[in-house]
Amino acid sequence: MEFEGTVFRIMPATSGTSARGEWQRQEVIFDMQTQSQYPRKICVTFFNKPDEVARLREGAAYTVSIDIESREYNGRWYTDVRAWRIQPKEVAAAAPAPADVPPMPTSEPAYATTPAAQEVDDLPF
């Protein structure tokens, strides 16, 4: 799932140590761009991605790809919205073609206009 929005606020990072090692979690509040007259905000968690958060600027527009997951703990439900990719909105709108893909031909190939191509086939099927 993805959405477009502007960075409203970047919250301070939280870090710690677990059985699997060091971790860092940082939340970013986005102002979603909707057709409604009332702005909607969404809190997105970046887990172990300090480099991506460091590139974000408040007020800048981004396309954010997220995963949404809910889990139960002691009878209460908690929902996480985790980012897995973020791109500046200008880059996402005009993505260039990969360099190894040749451009599409703009004219008809020469073999299509040869006399042999215009002949009728004599095949019975």
Protein backbone atom coordinates (compact mmCIF):
# COMPACT_ATOMS: atom_id res chain seq x y z
CA MET A 1 0.00 0.00 0.00
CA GLU A 2 1.24 3.51 -0.62
CA PHE A 3 0.15 7.10 -0.16
CA GLU A 4 1.36 10.59 -0.98
CA GLY A 5 1.92 13.12 1.75
CA THR A 6 4.10 15.86 3.16
CA VAL A 7 6.26 15.51 6.27
CA PHE A 8 4.49 17.28 9.13
CA ARG A 9 6.87 16.38 11.97
CA ILE A 10 9.86 14.10 12.56
CA MET A 11 9.79 12.65 16.07
CA PRO A 12 12.94 11.84 18.10
CA ALA A 13 14.50 8.41 17.65
CA THR A 14 14.11 5.64 20.22
CA SER A 15 16.76 2.93 20.47
CA GLY A 16 17.53 -0.08 22.57
CA THR A 17 18.95 -3.56 22.72
CA SER A 18 17.03 -6.80 22.38
CA ALA A 19 18.02 -10.46 22.20
CA ARG A 20 18.65 -9.94 18.46
CA GLY A 21 20.88 -6.89 18.94
CA GLU A 22 20.65 -3.11 18.65
CA TRP A 23 17.51 -1.51 17.20
CA GLN A 24 16.31 1.99 16.39
CA ARG A 25 12.78 3.17 15.84
CA GLN A 26 11.67 6.59 14.65
CA GLU A 27 8.21 7.92 13.89
CA VAL A 28 7.38 10.47 11.21
CA ILE A 29 4.01 12.23 10.99
CA PHE A 30 2.76 12.74 7.43
CA ASP A 31 -0.03 15.06 6.31
CA MET A 32 -1.87 12.95 3.73
CA GLN A 33 -3.03 14.63 0.55
CA THR A 34 -6.74 13.90 0.20
CA GLN A 35 -9.68 15.45 -1.60
CA SER A 36 -11.26 16.30 1.76
CA GLN A 37 -11.15 19.82 3.16
CA TYR A 38 -9.86 18.43 6.45
CA PRO A 39 -6.22 17.31 6.51
CA ARG A 40 -5.49 13.79 7.68
CA LYS A 41 -2.32 12.85 9.46
CA ILE A 42 -0.74 9.42 9.68
CA CYS A 43 2.12 8.29 11.93
CA VAL A 44 4.58 6.04 10.08
CA THR A 45 7.28 4.03 11.88
CA PHE A 46 10.76 3.61 10.43
CA PHE A 47 12.44 0.62 12.09
CA ASN A 48 16.26 0.40 11.74
CA LYS A 49 16.28 2.98 8.91
CA PRO A 50 18.06 6.04 10.34
CA ASP A 51 19.59 6.95 6.95
CA GLU A 52 16.18 7.22 5.28
CA VAL A 53 14.78 9.38 8.07
CA ALA A 54 17.84 11.66 7.93
CA ARG A 55 17.04 12.49 4.28
CA LEU A 56 13.47 13.58 5.07
CA ARG A 57 12.66 17.29 5.33
CA GLU A 58 9.61 18.80 7.01
CA GLY A 59 7.23 20.25 4.43
CA ALA A 60 8.59 18.12 1.56
CA ALA A 61 6.27 15.81 -0.41
CA TYR A 62 6.95 12.06 -0.61
CA THR A 63 5.40 8.84 -1.88
CA VAL A 64 5.49 6.36 1.01
CA SER A 65 5.09 2.58 0.65
CA ILE A 66 3.83 1.02 3.88
CA ASP A 67 2.77 -2.22 5.53
CA ILE A 68 -0.05 -2.15 8.07
CA GLU A 69 -0.14 -4.77 10.79
CA SER A 70 -2.31 -5.19 13.91
CA ARG A 71 -1.53 -7.45 16.86
CA GLU A 72 -3.19 -8.29 20.15
CA TYR A 73 -1.54 -7.94 23.57
CA ASN A 74 -3.43 -8.51 26.85
CA GLY A 75 -6.82 -8.13 25.20
CA ARG A 76 -5.96 -4.85 23.43
CA TRP A 77 -5.13 -4.39 19.76
CA TYR A 78 -2.21 -2.31 18.52
CA THR A 79 -1.62 -1.22 14.92
CA ASP A 80 1.75 -0.50 13.32
CA VAL A 81 2.21 1.41 10.08
CA ARG A 82 5.75 0.64 8.90
CA ALA A 83 7.46 2.22 5.92
CA TRP A 84 9.47 0.00 3.62
CA ARG A 85 10.18 2.52 0.83
CA ILE A 86 10.00 6.29 0.52
CA GLN A 87 10.61 8.42 -2.56
CA PRO A 88 10.45 12.16 -3.14
CA LYS A 89 7.23 12.91 -4.98
CA GLU A 90 8.97 14.50 -7.99
CA VAL A 91 11.13 11.39 -8.54
CA ALA A 92 8.18 9.01 -8.17
CA ALA A 93 6.13 10.90 -10.77
CA ALA A 94 8.84 10.92 -13.45
CA ALA A 95 10.72 7.66 -13.05
CA PRO A 96 13.28 7.26 -15.85
CA ALA A 97 13.44 4.11 -17.94
CA PRO A 98 16.21 1.65 -17.04
CA ALA A 99 19.44 2.25 -18.95
CA ASP A 100 19.69 -1.30 -20.34
CA VAL A 101 16.30 -1.16 -22.12
CA PRO A 102 16.60 0.13 -25.72
CA PRO A 103 14.15 2.83 -26.81
CA MET A 104 11.06 1.82 -28.75
CA PRO A 105 11.35 2.24 -32.55
CA THR A 106 9.37 5.14 -33.95
CA SER A 107 9.19 3.91 -37.54
CA GLU A 108 8.22 0.66 -39.19
CA PRO A 109 11.11 -1.80 -39.70
CA ALA A 110 12.54 -2.09 -43.24
CA TYR A 111 11.69 -5.81 -43.54
CA ALA A 112 7.96 -5.07 -43.27
CA THR A 113 7.89 -3.14 -46.55
CA THR A 114 9.89 -5.52 -48.74
CA PRO A 115 8.09 -7.09 -51.71
CA ALA A 116 8.41 -10.56 -50.16
CA ALA A 117 6.43 -9.46 -47.14
CA GLN A 118 3.62 -8.19 -49.35
CA GLU A 119 3.27 -11.46 -51.34
CA VAL A 120 0.39 -13.81 -50.61
CA ASP A 121 1.30 -17.10 -48.95
CA ASP A 122 0.46 -20.30 -50.86
CA LEU A 123 0.13 -22.41 -47.71
CA PRO A 124 -3.03 -24.55 -47.60
CA PHE A 125 -3.58 -24.06 -43.87
